[in-house]
Amino acid sequence: MKLNSIYVSAKDFDRATRWYKDVLFDREPDNRTDRFVFWKLGGVHFGVFNPEMVEHSNIEFGNNCVPNIEVDDVDKLYERLKEKKVEMVMERNDVNGTRIFQCYDSEKNVIEFYHWIKD
C-alpha cells in the first residue's frame, strides 16, 4: 500500500480553496478540477473536495480526519497563521519529541503541523 493523497471536504469549495491558497500554502494548487484542488506536499497530495459535484447527502464537515503535516519550522508557520487570525485548536506544544499545533481551516477541519525537535 502507498498513500497517494488525502483530502478534506468543504462546505464552500471556493472559500476553502482561497484559504489554502492564500493563508496556508501561499501558492496556487498543483492540480485543479471541478471536484478537487490538490497541492503536492512531499510525496503526498493534499486536497480539498467539492461535495456539490456529487450527490451525497451524508457528507460530514470538519474533523473527519486530521491531516498531520511535517514542516521545516513549525514556529514560523504558527506565527504566520496567528498573524492571519487563523483560529487555533491546540496551541504550540512540545509532545513526544515534536513541536506541534493544530488549527481550523475555513471549513472547521482540524489541520495539525509539527516538526521534530533536535537535541
PDB file of N, CA and C in Angstrom:
ATOM      1  N   MET A   1       0.831  -1.185   0.000  1.00  0.00           N
ATOM      2  CA  MET A   1       0.000   0.000   0.000  1.00  0.00           C
ATOM      3  C   MET A   1       0.871   1.242   0.000  1.00  0.00           C
ATOM      4  N   LYS A   2       0.328   2.288  -0.567  1.00  0.00           N
ATOM      5  CA  LYS A   2       1.029   3.566  -0.620  1.00  0.00           C
ATOM      6  C   LYS A   2      -0.002   4.686  -0.539  1.00  0.00           C
ATOM      7  N   LEU A   3       0.203   5.618   0.387  1.00  0.00           N
ATOM      8  CA  LEU A   3      -0.691   6.763   0.489  1.00  0.00           C
ATOM      9  C   LEU A   3      -0.334   7.753  -0.601  1.00  0.00           C
ATOM     10  N   ASN A   4      -1.291   8.051  -1.465  1.00  0.00           N
ATOM     11  CA  ASN A   4      -1.081   8.983  -2.571  1.00  0.00           C
ATOM     12  C   ASN A   4      -1.629  10.363  -2.264  1.00  0.00           C
ATOM     13  N   SER A   5      -2.805  10.399  -1.605  1.00  0.00           N
ATOM     14  CA  SER A   5      -3.423  11.691  -1.338  1.00  0.00           C
ATOM     15  C   SER A   5      -4.336  11.599  -0.123  1.00  0.00           C
ATOM     16  N   ILE A   6      -4.632  12.766   0.403  1.00  0.00           N
ATOM     17  CA  ILE A   6      -5.597  12.911   1.481  1.00  0.00           C
ATOM     18  C   ILE A   6      -6.346  14.207   1.197  1.00  0.00           C
ATOM     19  N   TYR A   7      -7.647  14.225   1.494  1.00  0.00           N
ATOM     20  CA  TYR A   7      -8.390  15.458   1.242  1.00  0.00           C
ATOM     21  C   TYR A   7      -9.410  15.695   2.341  1.00  0.00           C
ATOM     22  N   VAL A   8      -9.801  16.946   2.461  1.00  0.00           N
ATOM     23  CA  VAL A   8     -10.866  17.360   3.370  1.00  0.00           C
ATOM     24  C   VAL A   8     -12.030  17.854   2.522  1.00  0.00           C
ATOM     25  N   SER A   9     -13.236  17.744   3.066  1.00  0.00           N
ATOM     26  CA  SER A   9     -14.424  18.229   2.367  1.00  0.00           C
ATOM     27  C   SER A   9     -14.685  19.677   2.748  1.00  0.00           C
ATOM     28  N   ALA A  10     -15.268  20.408   1.810  1.00  0.00           N
ATOM     29  CA  ALA A  10     -15.533  21.826   2.028  1.00  0.00           C
ATOM     30  C   ALA A  10     -17.011  22.128   1.878  1.00  0.00           C
ATOM     31  N   LYS A  11     -17.568  22.851   2.829  1.00  0.00           N
ATOM     32  CA  LYS A  11     -18.939  23.342   2.666  1.00  0.00           C
ATOM     33  C   LYS A  11     -18.975  24.350   1.528  1.00  0.00           C
ATOM     34  N   ASP A  12     -17.968  25.208   1.487  1.00  0.00           N
ATOM     35  CA  ASP A  12     -17.848  26.230   0.454  1.00  0.00           C
ATOM     36  C   ASP A  12     -16.508  26.029  -0.245  1.00  0.00           C
ATOM     37  N   PHE A  13     -16.551  25.382  -1.398  1.00  0.00           N
ATOM     38  CA  PHE A  13     -15.339  24.980  -2.111  1.00  0.00           C
ATOM     39  C   PHE A  13     -14.460  26.175  -2.482  1.00  0.00           C
ATOM     40  N   ASP A  14     -15.064  27.248  -2.975  1.00  0.00           N
ATOM     41  CA  ASP A  14     -14.280  28.429  -3.362  1.00  0.00           C
ATOM     42  C   ASP A  14     -13.612  29.071  -2.144  1.00  0.00           C
ATOM     43  N   ARG A  15     -14.339  29.181  -1.039  1.00  0.00           N
ATOM     44  CA  ARG A  15     -13.775  29.753   0.188  1.00  0.00           C
ATOM     45  C   ARG A  15     -12.616  28.900   0.685  1.00  0.00           C
ATOM     46  N   ALA A  16     -12.807  27.593   0.704  1.00  0.00           N
ATOM     47  CA  ALA A  16     -11.749  26.695   1.179  1.00  0.00           C
ATOM     48  C   ALA A  16     -10.533  26.750   0.265  1.00  0.00           C
ATOM     49  N   THR A  17     -10.752  26.789  -1.043  1.00  0.00           N
ATOM     50  CA  THR A  17      -9.639  26.877  -1.990  1.00  0.00           C
ATOM     51  C   THR A  17      -8.834  28.150  -1.743  1.00  0.00           C
ATOM     52  N   ARG A  18      -9.527  29.269  -1.556  1.00  0.00           N
ATOM     53  CA  ARG A  18      -8.828  30.534  -1.262  1.00  0.00           C
ATOM     54  C   ARG A  18      -8.052  30.442   0.044  1.00  0.00           C
ATOM     55  N   TRP A  19      -8.643  29.820   1.068  1.00  0.00           N
ATOM     56  CA  TRP A  19      -7.973  29.723   2.371  1.00  0.00           C
ATOM     57  C   TRP A  19      -6.659  28.952   2.243  1.00  0.00           C
ATOM     58  N   TYR A  20      -6.720  27.807   1.602  1.00  0.00           N
ATOM     59  CA  TYR A  20      -5.495  27.009   1.457  1.00  0.00           C
ATOM     60  C   TYR A  20      -4.483  27.697   0.549  1.00  0.00           C
ATOM     61  N   LYS A  21      -4.969  28.323  -0.517  1.00  0.00           N
ATOM     62  CA  LYS A  21      -4.071  29.008  -1.448  1.00  0.00           C
ATOM     63  C   LYS A  21      -3.441  30.237  -0.807  1.00  0.00           C
ATOM     64  N   ASP A  22      -4.244  31.082  -0.184  1.00  0.00           N
ATOM     65  CA  ASP A  22      -3.766  32.377   0.305  1.00  0.00           C
ATOM     66  C   ASP A  22      -3.246  32.356   1.739  1.00  0.00           C
ATOM     67  N   VAL A  23      -3.856  31.562   2.596  1.00  0.00           N
ATOM     68  CA  VAL A  23      -3.489  31.576   4.007  1.00  0.00           C
ATOM     69  C   VAL A  23      -2.445  30.513   4.331  1.00  0.00           C
ATOM     70  N   LEU A  24      -2.694  29.279   3.950  1.00  0.00           N
ATOM     71  CA  LEU A  24      -1.798  28.205   4.376  1.00  0.00           C
ATOM     72  C   LEU A  24      -0.619  27.992   3.440  1.00  0.00           C
ATOM     73  N   PHE A  25      -0.883  27.649   2.198  1.00  0.00           N
ATOM     74  CA  PHE A  25       0.210  27.264   1.297  1.00  0.00           C
ATOM     75  C   PHE A  25       0.847  28.439   0.579  1.00  0.00           C
ATOM     76  N   ASP A  26       0.147  29.542   0.477  1.00  0.00           N
ATOM     77  CA  ASP A  26       0.682  30.750  -0.166  1.00  0.00           C
ATOM     78  C   ASP A  26       1.151  30.479  -1.588  1.00  0.00           C
ATOM     79  N   ARG A  27       0.369  29.650  -2.291  1.00  0.00           N
ATOM     80  CA  ARG A  27       0.664  29.348  -3.696  1.00  0.00           C
ATOM     81  C   ARG A  27      -0.553  28.694  -4.337  1.00  0.00           C
ATOM     82  N   GLU A  28      -0.565  28.727  -5.654  1.00  0.00           N
ATOM     83  CA  GLU A  28      -1.643  28.106  -6.408  1.00  0.00           C
ATOM     84  C   GLU A  28      -1.608  26.586  -6.226  1.00  0.00           C
ATOM     85  N   PRO A  29      -2.751  25.925  -6.352  1.00  0.00           N
ATOM     86  CA  PRO A  29      -2.745  24.464  -6.292  1.00  0.00           C
ATOM     87  C   PRO A  29      -1.995  23.875  -7.478  1.00  0.00           C
ATOM     88  N   ASP A  30      -1.478  22.673  -7.277  1.00  0.00           N
ATOM     89  CA  ASP A  30      -0.756  21.980  -8.349  1.00  0.00           C
ATOM     90  C   ASP A  30      -1.704  21.321  -9.335  1.00  0.00           C
ATOM     91  N   ASN A  31      -2.931  21.052  -8.894  1.00  0.00           N
ATOM     92  CA  ASN A  31      -3.915  20.423  -9.770  1.00  0.00           C
ATOM     93  C   ASN A  31      -5.293  20.926  -9.360  1.00  0.00           C
ATOM     94  N   ARG A  32      -6.116  21.243 -10.338  1.00  0.00           N
ATOM     95  CA  ARG A  32      -7.451  21.776 -10.042  1.00  0.00           C
ATOM     96  C   ARG A  32      -8.456  21.179 -11.019  1.00  0.00           C
ATOM     97  N   THR A  33      -9.557  20.671 -10.474  1.00  0.00           N
ATOM     98  CA  THR A  33     -10.698  20.228 -11.279  1.00  0.00           C
ATOM     99  C   THR A  33     -11.944  20.816 -10.619  1.00  0.00           C
ATOM    100  N   ASP A  34     -13.130  20.491 -11.167  1.00  0.00           N
ATOM    101  CA  ASP A  34     -14.370  20.938 -10.537  1.00  0.00           C
ATOM    102  C   ASP A  34     -14.609  20.243  -9.195  1.00  0.00           C
ATOM    103  N   ARG A  35     -14.048  19.045  -9.033  1.00  0.00           N
ATOM    104  CA  ARG A  35     -14.260  18.260  -7.819  1.00  0.00           C
ATOM    105  C   ARG A  35     -13.191  18.474  -6.755  1.00  0.00           C
ATOM    106  N   PHE A  36     -11.955  18.761  -7.171  1.00  0.00           N
ATOM    107  CA  PHE A  36     -10.832  18.804  -6.241  1.00  0.00           C
ATOM    108  C   PHE A  36      -9.862  19.923  -6.585  1.00  0.00           C
ATOM    109  N   VAL A  37      -9.117  20.358  -5.563  1.00  0.00           N
ATOM    110  CA  VAL A  37      -7.854  21.074  -5.755  1.00  0.00           C
ATOM    111  C   VAL A  37      -6.826  20.323  -4.923  1.00  0.00           C
ATOM    112  N   PHE A  38      -5.612  20.199  -5.454  1.00  0.00           N
ATOM    113  CA  PHE A  38      -4.551  19.472  -4.766  1.00  0.00           C
ATOM    114  C   PHE A  38      -3.255  20.273  -4.767  1.00  0.00           C
ATOM    115  N   TRP A  39      -2.550  20.201  -3.654  1.00  0.00           N
ATOM    116  CA  TRP A  39      -1.194  20.732  -3.528  1.00  0.00           C
ATOM    117  C   TRP A  39      -0.277  19.557  -3.245  1.00  0.00           C
ATOM    118  N   LYS A  40       0.873  19.513  -3.914  1.00  0.00           N
ATOM    119  CA  LYS A  40       1.862  18.471  -3.652  1.00  0.00           C
ATOM    120  C   LYS A  40       2.628  18.830  -2.385  1.00  0.00           C
ATOM    121  N   LEU A  41       2.641  17.908  -1.452  1.00  0.00           N
ATOM    122  CA  LEU A  41       3.383  18.069  -0.200  1.00  0.00           C
ATOM    123  C   LEU A  41       4.274  16.852  -0.055  1.00  0.00           C
ATOM    124  N   GLY A  42       5.519  16.991  -0.456  1.00  0.00           N
ATOM    125  CA  GLY A  42       6.393  15.826  -0.444  1.00  0.00           C
ATOM    126  C   GLY A  42       5.862  14.804  -1.424  1.00  0.00           C
ATOM    127  N   GLY A  43       5.690  13.575  -0.966  1.00  0.00           N
ATOM    128  CA  GLY A  43       5.208  12.511  -1.843  1.00  0.00           C
ATOM    129  C   GLY A  43       3.702  12.319  -1.801  1.00  0.00           C
ATOM    130  N   VAL A  44       2.971  13.187  -1.103  1.00  0.00           N
ATOM    131  CA  VAL A  44       1.527  13.029  -0.952  1.00  0.00           C
ATOM    132  C   VAL A  44       0.832  14.296  -1.440  1.00  0.00           C
ATOM    133  N   HIS A  45      -0.321  14.130  -2.049  1.00  0.00           N
ATOM    134  CA  HIS A  45      -1.134  15.271  -2.473  1.00  0.00           C
ATOM    135  C   HIS A  45      -2.149  15.582  -1.376  1.00  0.00           C
ATOM    136  N   PHE A  46      -2.253  16.858  -1.003  1.00  0.00           N
ATOM    137  CA  PHE A  46      -3.260  17.315  -0.049  1.00  0.00           C
ATOM    138  C   PHE A  46      -4.335  18.042  -0.829  1.00  0.00           C
ATOM    139  N   GLY A  47      -5.591  17.654  -0.619  1.00  0.00           N
ATOM    140  CA  GLY A  47      -6.647  18.236  -1.425  1.00  0.00           C
ATOM    141  C   GLY A  47      -7.851  18.714  -0.655  1.00  0.00           C
ATOM    142  N   VAL A  48      -8.660  19.470  -1.376  1.00  0.00           N
ATOM    143  CA  VAL A  48      -9.961  19.931  -0.902  1.00  0.00           C
ATOM    144  C   VAL A  48     -10.986  19.401  -1.899  1.00  0.00           C
ATOM    145  N   PHE A  49     -12.040  18.779  -1.378  1.00  0.00           N
ATOM    146  CA  PHE A  49     -13.082  18.156  -2.178  1.00  0.00           C
ATOM    147  C   PHE A  49     -14.316  19.050  -2.228  1.00  0.00           C
ATOM    148  N   ASN A  50     -14.907  19.172  -3.414  1.00  0.00           N
ATOM    149  CA  ASN A  50     -16.124  19.948  -3.623  1.00  0.00           C
ATOM    150  C   ASN A  50     -17.313  18.995  -3.639  1.00  0.00           C
ATOM    151  N   PRO A  51     -18.043  18.853  -2.533  1.00  0.00           N
ATOM    152  CA  PRO A  51     -19.139  17.884  -2.480  1.00  0.00           C
ATOM    153  C   PRO A  51     -20.336  18.252  -3.350  1.00  0.00           C
ATOM    154  N   GLU A  52     -20.396  19.470  -3.845  1.00  0.00           N
ATOM    155  CA  GLU A  52     -21.501  19.848  -4.723  1.00  0.00           C
ATOM    156  C   GLU A  52     -21.448  19.123  -6.067  1.00  0.00           C
ATOM    157  N   MET A  53     -20.311  18.512  -6.376  1.00  0.00           N
ATOM    158  CA  MET A  53     -20.145  17.837  -7.664  1.00  0.00           C
ATOM    159  C   MET A  53     -20.690  16.411  -7.670  1.00  0.00           C
ATOM    160  N   VAL A  54     -21.077  15.891  -6.519  1.00  0.00           N
ATOM    161  CA  VAL A  54     -21.632  14.538  -6.430  1.00  0.00           C
ATOM    162  C   VAL A  54     -22.881  14.572  -5.561  1.00  0.00           C
ATOM    163  N   GLU A  55     -23.710  13.584  -5.736  1.00  0.00           N
ATOM    164  CA  GLU A  55     -24.964  13.541  -4.974  1.00  0.00           C
ATOM    165  C   GLU A  55     -24.769  12.735  -3.693  1.00  0.00           C
ATOM    166  N   HIS A  56     -24.221  13.385  -2.684  1.00  0.00           N
ATOM    167  CA  HIS A  56     -24.076  12.762  -1.374  1.00  0.00           C
ATOM    168  C   HIS A  56     -24.875  13.576  -0.381  1.00  0.00           C
ATOM    169  N   SER A  57     -25.689  12.920   0.378  1.00  0.00           N
ATOM    170  CA  SER A  57     -26.410  13.649   1.411  1.00  0.00           C
ATOM    171  C   SER A  57     -25.789  13.424   2.781  1.00  0.00           C
ATOM    172  N   ASN A  58     -24.792  12.530   2.853  1.00  0.00           N
ATOM    173  CA  ASN A  58     -24.249  12.172   4.153  1.00  0.00           C
ATOM    174  C   ASN A  58     -22.829  12.675   4.389  1.00  0.00           C
ATOM    175  N   ILE A  59     -22.388  13.661   3.637  1.00  0.00           N
ATOM    176  CA  ILE A  59     -21.047  14.191   3.848  1.00  0.00           C
ATOM    177  C   ILE A  59     -21.004  14.970   5.142  1.00  0.00           C
ATOM    178  N   GLU A  60     -19.999  14.671   5.949  1.00  0.00           N
ATOM    179  CA  GLU A  60     -19.796  15.408   7.193  1.00  0.00           C
ATOM    180  C   GLU A  60     -18.633  16.359   6.995  1.00  0.00           C
ATOM    181  N   PHE A  61     -18.716  17.493   7.657  1.00  0.00           N
ATOM    182  CA  PHE A  61     -17.680  18.501   7.526  1.00  0.00           C
ATOM    183  C   PHE A  61     -16.979  18.690   8.854  1.00  0.00           C
ATOM    184  N   GLY A  62     -15.699  18.988   8.752  1.00  0.00           N
ATOM    185  CA  GLY A  62     -14.916  19.272   9.940  1.00  0.00           C
ATOM    186  C   GLY A  62     -14.522  18.030  10.704  1.00  0.00           C
ATOM    187  N   ASN A  63     -13.260  17.884  10.944  1.00  0.00           N
ATOM    188  CA  ASN A  63     -12.683  16.894  11.836  1.00  0.00           C
ATOM    189  C   ASN A  63     -13.043  15.445  11.529  1.00  0.00           C
ATOM    190  N   ASN A  64     -13.260  15.091  10.261  1.00  0.00           N
ATOM    191  CA  ASN A  64     -13.434  13.687   9.899  1.00  0.00           C
ATOM    192  C   ASN A  64     -12.113  12.954  10.006  1.00  0.00           C
ATOM    193  N   CYS A  65     -11.058  13.635   9.692  1.00  0.00           N
ATOM    194  CA  CYS A  65      -9.701  13.108   9.655  1.00  0.00           C
ATOM    195  C   CYS A  65      -8.794  14.292   9.950  1.00  0.00           C
ATOM    196  N   VAL A  66      -7.720  14.079  10.671  1.00  0.00           N
ATOM    197  CA  VAL A  66      -6.819  15.182  10.987  1.00  0.00           C
ATOM    198  C   VAL A  66      -5.518  14.990  10.211  1.00  0.00           C
ATOM    199  N   PRO A  67      -5.340  15.721   9.107  1.00  0.00           N
ATOM    200  CA  PRO A  67      -4.060  15.655   8.401  1.00  0.00           C
ATOM    201  C   PRO A  67      -2.942  16.167   9.305  1.00  0.00           C
ATOM    202  N   ASN A  68      -1.861  15.436   9.358  1.00  0.00           N
ATOM    203  CA  ASN A  68      -0.694  15.752  10.175  1.00  0.00           C
ATOM    204  C   ASN A  68       0.444  16.065   9.215  1.00  0.00           C
ATOM    205  N   ILE A  69       0.837  17.343   9.142  1.00  0.00           N
ATOM    206  CA  ILE A  69       1.771  17.807   8.116  1.00  0.00           C
ATOM    207  C   ILE A  69       3.081  18.225   8.765  1.00  0.00           C
ATOM    208  N   GLU A  70       4.167  17.591   8.348  1.00  0.00           N
ATOM    209  CA  GLU A  70       5.501  17.954   8.837  1.00  0.00           C
ATOM    210  C   GLU A  70       5.988  19.189   8.087  1.00  0.00           C
ATOM    211  N   VAL A  71       6.521  20.148   8.823  1.00  0.00           N
ATOM    212  CA  VAL A  71       7.053  21.378   8.237  1.00  0.00           C
ATOM    213  C   VAL A  71       8.475  21.596   8.756  1.00  0.00           C
ATOM    214  N   ASP A  72       9.232  22.426   8.052  1.00  0.00           N
ATOM    215  CA  ASP A  72      10.607  22.713   8.465  1.00  0.00           C
ATOM    216  C   ASP A  72      10.673  23.543   9.737  1.00  0.00           C
ATOM    217  N   ASP A  73       9.753  24.488   9.883  1.00  0.00           N
ATOM    218  CA  ASP A  73       9.790  25.397  11.033  1.00  0.00           C
ATOM    219  C   ASP A  73       8.367  25.653  11.510  1.00  0.00           C
ATOM    220  N   VAL A  74       7.921  24.860  12.472  1.00  0.00           N
ATOM    221  CA  VAL A  74       6.553  24.974  12.958  1.00  0.00           C
ATOM    222  C   VAL A  74       6.321  26.314  13.651  1.00  0.00           C
ATOM    223  N   ASP A  75       7.342  26.861  14.293  1.00  0.00           N
ATOM    224  CA  ASP A  75       7.187  28.152  14.968  1.00  0.00           C
ATOM    225  C   ASP A  75       6.903  29.269  13.969  1.00  0.00           C
ATOM    226  N   LYS A  76       7.623  29.260  12.875  1.00  0.00           N
ATOM    227  CA  LYS A  76       7.427  30.277  11.843  1.00  0.00           C
ATOM    228  C   LYS A  76       6.021  30.178  11.243  1.00  0.00           C
ATOM    229  N   LEU A  77       5.573  28.963  10.930  1.00  0.00           N
ATOM    230  CA  LEU A  77       4.229  28.781  10.388  1.00  0.00           C
ATOM    231  C   LEU A  77       3.178  29.195  11.412  1.00  0.00           C
ATOM    232  N   TYR A  78       3.359  28.807  12.651  1.00  0.00           N
ATOM    233  CA  TYR A  78       2.422  29.169  13.713  1.00  0.00           C
ATOM    234  C   TYR A  78       2.266  30.684  13.807  1.00  0.00           C
ATOM    235  N   GLU A  79       3.381  31.404  13.831  1.00  0.00           N
ATOM    236  CA  GLU A  79       3.336  32.862  13.923  1.00  0.00           C
ATOM    237  C   GLU A  79       2.657  33.476  12.702  1.00  0.00           C
ATOM    238  N   ARG A  80       2.950  32.941  11.515  1.00  0.00           N
ATOM    239  CA  ARG A  80       2.318  33.468  10.290  1.00  0.00           C
ATOM    240  C   ARG A  80       0.816  33.264  10.321  1.00  0.00           C
ATOM    241  N   LEU A  81       0.361  32.083  10.757  1.00  0.00           N
ATOM    242  CA  LEU A  81      -1.072  31.819  10.807  1.00  0.00           C
ATOM    243  C   LEU A  81      -1.757  32.635  11.901  1.00  0.00           C
ATOM    244  N   LYS A  82      -1.091  32.837  13.022  1.00  0.00           N
ATOM    245  CA  LYS A  82      -1.651  33.689  14.077  1.00  0.00           C
ATOM    246  C   LYS A  82      -1.829  35.124  13.564  1.00  0.00           C
ATOM    247  N   GLU A  83      -0.848  35.617  12.816  1.00  0.00           N
ATOM    248  CA  GLU A  83      -0.951  36.965  12.240  1.00  0.00           C
ATOM    249  C   GLU A  83      -2.142  37.073  11.293  1.00  0.00           C
ATOM    250  N   LYS A  84      -2.479  35.964  10.630  1.00  0.00           N
ATOM    251  CA  LYS A  84      -3.613  35.958   9.700  1.00  0.00           C
ATOM    252  C   LYS A  84      -4.922  35.621  10.412  1.00  0.00           C
ATOM    253  N   LYS A  85      -4.882  35.606  11.741  1.00  0.00           N
ATOM    254  CA  LYS A  85      -6.074  35.393  12.582  1.00  0.00           C
ATOM    255  C   LYS A  85      -6.695  34.011  12.403  1.00  0.00           C
ATOM    256  N   VAL A  86      -5.867  33.013  12.104  1.00  0.00           N
ATOM    257  CA  VAL A  86      -6.352  31.642  11.999  1.00  0.00           C
ATOM    258  C   VAL A  86      -6.662  31.135  13.405  1.00  0.00           C
ATOM    259  N   GLU A  87      -7.810  30.503  13.560  1.00  0.00           N
ATOM    260  CA  GLU A  87      -8.234  30.002  14.870  1.00  0.00           C
ATOM    261  C   GLU A  87      -7.479  28.716  15.216  1.00  0.00           C
ATOM    262  N   MET A  88      -6.853  28.709  16.366  1.00  0.00           N
ATOM    263  CA  MET A  88      -6.096  27.551  16.815  1.00  0.00           C
ATOM    264  C   MET A  88      -6.998  26.594  17.593  1.00  0.00           C
ATOM    265  N   VAL A  89      -6.768  25.315  17.400  1.00  0.00           N
ATOM    266  CA  VAL A  89      -7.444  24.265  18.153  1.00  0.00           C
ATOM    267  C   VAL A  89      -6.563  23.871  19.331  1.00  0.00           C
ATOM    268  N   MET A  90      -5.274  23.685  19.040  1.00  0.00           N
ATOM    269  CA  MET A  90      -4.282  23.364  20.053  1.00  0.00           C
ATOM    270  C   MET A  90      -3.094  24.294  19.835  1.00  0.00           C
ATOM    271  N   GLU A  91      -2.773  25.065  20.849  1.00  0.00           N
ATOM    272  CA  GLU A  91      -1.635  25.979  20.748  1.00  0.00           C
ATOM    273  C   GLU A  91      -0.342  25.175  20.622  1.00  0.00           C
ATOM    274  N   ARG A  92       0.718  25.858  20.235  1.00  0.00           N
ATOM    275  CA  ARG A  92       2.036  25.239  20.123  1.00  0.00           C
ATOM    276  C   ARG A  92       2.382  24.507  21.413  1.00  0.00           C
ATOM    277  N   ASN A  93       2.941  23.311  21.243  1.00  0.00           N
ATOM    278  CA  ASN A  93       3.216  22.459  22.387  1.00  0.00           C
ATOM    279  C   ASN A  93       4.315  21.477  22.004  1.00  0.00           C
ATOM    280  N   ASP A  94       5.105  21.055  22.951  1.00  0.00           N
ATOM    281  CA  ASP A  94       6.115  20.018  22.702  1.00  0.00           C
ATOM    282  C   ASP A  94       5.559  18.686  23.189  1.00  0.00           C
ATOM    283  N   VAL A  95       5.468  17.719  22.259  1.00  0.00           N
ATOM    284  CA  VAL A  95       4.886  16.419  22.563  1.00  0.00           C
ATOM    285  C   VAL A  95       5.728  15.324  21.920  1.00  0.00           C
ATOM    286  N   ASN A  96       6.220  14.406  22.726  1.00  0.00           N
ATOM    287  CA  ASN A  96       6.930  13.213  22.221  1.00  0.00           C
ATOM    288  C   ASN A  96       8.005  13.537  21.195  1.00  0.00           C
ATOM    289  N   GLY A  97       8.828  14.525  21.477  1.00  0.00           N
ATOM    290  CA  GLY A  97       9.936  14.861  20.594  1.00  0.00           C
ATOM    291  C   GLY A  97       9.572  15.729  19.407  1.00  0.00           C
ATOM    292  N   THR A  98       8.361  16.250  19.399  1.00  0.00           N
ATOM    293  CA  THR A  98       7.942  17.144  18.319  1.00  0.00           C
ATOM    294  C   THR A  98       7.414  18.444  18.911  1.00  0.00           C
ATOM    295  N   ARG A  99       7.466  19.497  18.130  1.00  0.00           N
ATOM    296  CA  ARG A  99       6.739  20.732  18.433  1.00  0.00           C
ATOM    297  C   ARG A  99       5.549  20.729  17.487  1.00  0.00           C
ATOM    298  N   ILE A 100       4.366  20.960  18.034  1.00  0.00           N
ATOM    299  CA  ILE A 100       3.143  20.680  17.299  1.00  0.00           C
ATOM    300  C   ILE A 100       2.092  21.753  17.593  1.00  0.00           C
ATOM    301  N   PHE A 101       1.190  21.998  16.646  1.00  0.00           N
ATOM    302  CA  PHE A 101      -0.017  22.783  16.890  1.00  0.00           C
ATOM    303  C   PHE A 101      -1.094  22.349  15.912  1.00  0.00           C
ATOM    304  N   GLN A 102      -2.338  22.699  16.238  1.00  0.00           N
ATOM    305  CA  GLN A 102      -3.475  22.409  15.379  1.00  0.00           C
ATOM    306  C   GLN A 102      -4.273  23.692  15.174  1.00  0.00           C
ATOM    307  N   CYS A 103      -4.841  23.824  13.972  1.00  0.00           N
ATOM    308  CA  CYS A 103      -5.710  24.959  13.684  1.00  0.00           C
ATOM    309  C   CYS A 103      -6.906  24.486  12.878  1.00  0.00           C
ATOM    310  N   TYR A 104      -7.905  25.364  12.791  1.00  0.00           N
ATOM    311  CA  TYR A 104      -9.050  25.123  11.915  1.00  0.00           C
ATOM    312  C   TYR A 104      -8.775  25.735  10.561  1.00  0.00           C
ATOM    313  N   ASP A 105      -9.240  25.067   9.509  1.00  0.00           N
ATOM    314  CA  ASP A 105      -9.269  25.714   8.201  1.00  0.00           C
ATOM    315  C   ASP A 105     -10.575  26.506   8.094  1.00  0.00           C
ATOM    316  N   SER A 106     -10.881  27.005   6.938  1.00  0.00           N
ATOM    317  CA  SER A 106     -12.087  27.821   6.753  1.00  0.00           C
ATOM    318  C   SER A 106     -13.372  27.017   6.925  1.00  0.00           C
ATOM    319  N   GLU A 107     -13.289  25.696   6.840  1.00  0.00           N
ATOM    320  CA  GLU A 107     -14.466  24.828   6.919  1.00  0.00           C
ATOM    321  C   GLU A 107     -14.585  24.117   8.259  1.00  0.00           C
ATOM    322  N   LYS A 108     -13.726  24.493   9.207  1.00  0.00           N
ATOM    323  CA  LYS A 108     -13.662  23.895  10.546  1.00  0.00           C
ATOM    324  C   LYS A 108     -13.067  22.487  10.536  1.00  0.00           C
ATOM    325  N   ASN A 109     -12.293  22.152   9.496  1.00  0.00           N
ATOM    326  CA  ASN A 109     -11.481  20.945   9.527  1.00  0.00           C
ATOM    327  C   ASN A 109     -10.256  21.244  10.378  1.00  0.00           C
ATOM    328  N   VAL A 110      -9.839  20.286  11.192  1.00  0.00           N
ATOM    329  CA  VAL A 110      -8.638  20.439  12.008  1.00  0.00           C
ATOM    330  C   VAL A 110      -7.435  19.998  11.191  1.00  0.00           C
ATOM    331  N   ILE A 111      -6.406  20.848  11.151  1.00  0.00           N
ATOM    332  CA  ILE A 111      -5.154  20.542  10.464  1.00  0.00           C
ATOM    333  C   ILE A 111      -4.042  20.628  11.520  1.00  0.00           C
ATOM    334  N   GLU A 112      -3.156  19.642  11.524  1.00  0.00           N
ATOM    335  CA  GLU A 112      -2.083  19.586  12.515  1.00  0.00           C
ATOM    336  C   GLU A 112      -0.735  19.744  11.824  1.00  0.00           C
ATOM    337  N   PHE A 113       0.170  20.495  12.458  1.00  0.00           N
ATOM    338  CA  PHE A 113       1.506  20.746  11.917  1.00  0.00           C
ATOM    339  C   PHE A 113       2.538  20.419  12.985  1.00  0.00           C
ATOM    340  N   TYR A 114       3.683  19.909  12.559  1.00  0.00           N
ATOM    341  CA  TYR A 114       4.728  19.579  13.520  1.00  0.00           C
ATOM    342  C   TYR A 114       6.099  19.655  12.870  1.00  0.00           C
ATOM    343  N   HIS A 115       7.116  19.741  13.711  1.00  0.00           N
ATOM    344  CA  HIS A 115       8.479  19.442  13.297  1.00  0.00           C
ATOM    345  C   HIS A 115       9.169  18.731  14.446  1.00  0.00           C
ATOM    346  N   TRP A 116      10.174  17.936  14.090  1.00  0.00           N
ATOM    347  CA  TRP A 116      10.941  17.212  15.090  1.00  0.00           C
ATOM    348  C   TRP A 116      11.841  18.177  15.834  1.00  0.00           C
ATOM    349  N   ILE A 117      11.895  17.998  17.137  1.00  0.00           N
ATOM    350  CA  ILE A 117      12.777  18.830  17.959  1.00  0.00           C
ATOM    351  C   ILE A 117      14.148  18.177  17.962  1.00  0.00           C
ATOM    352  N   LYS A 118      15.139  18.964  17.592  1.00  0.00           N
ATOM    353  CA  LYS A 118      16.506  18.451  17.559  1.00  0.00           C
ATOM    354  C   LYS A 118      17.136  18.611  18.940  1.00  0.00           C
ATOM    355  N   ASP A 119      17.938  17.646  19.314  1.00  0.00           N
ATOM    356  CA  ASP A 119      18.635  17.717  20.610  1.00  0.00           C
ATOM    357  C   ASP A 119      19.723  18.750  20.602  1.00  0.00           C
TER     358      ASP A 119
END
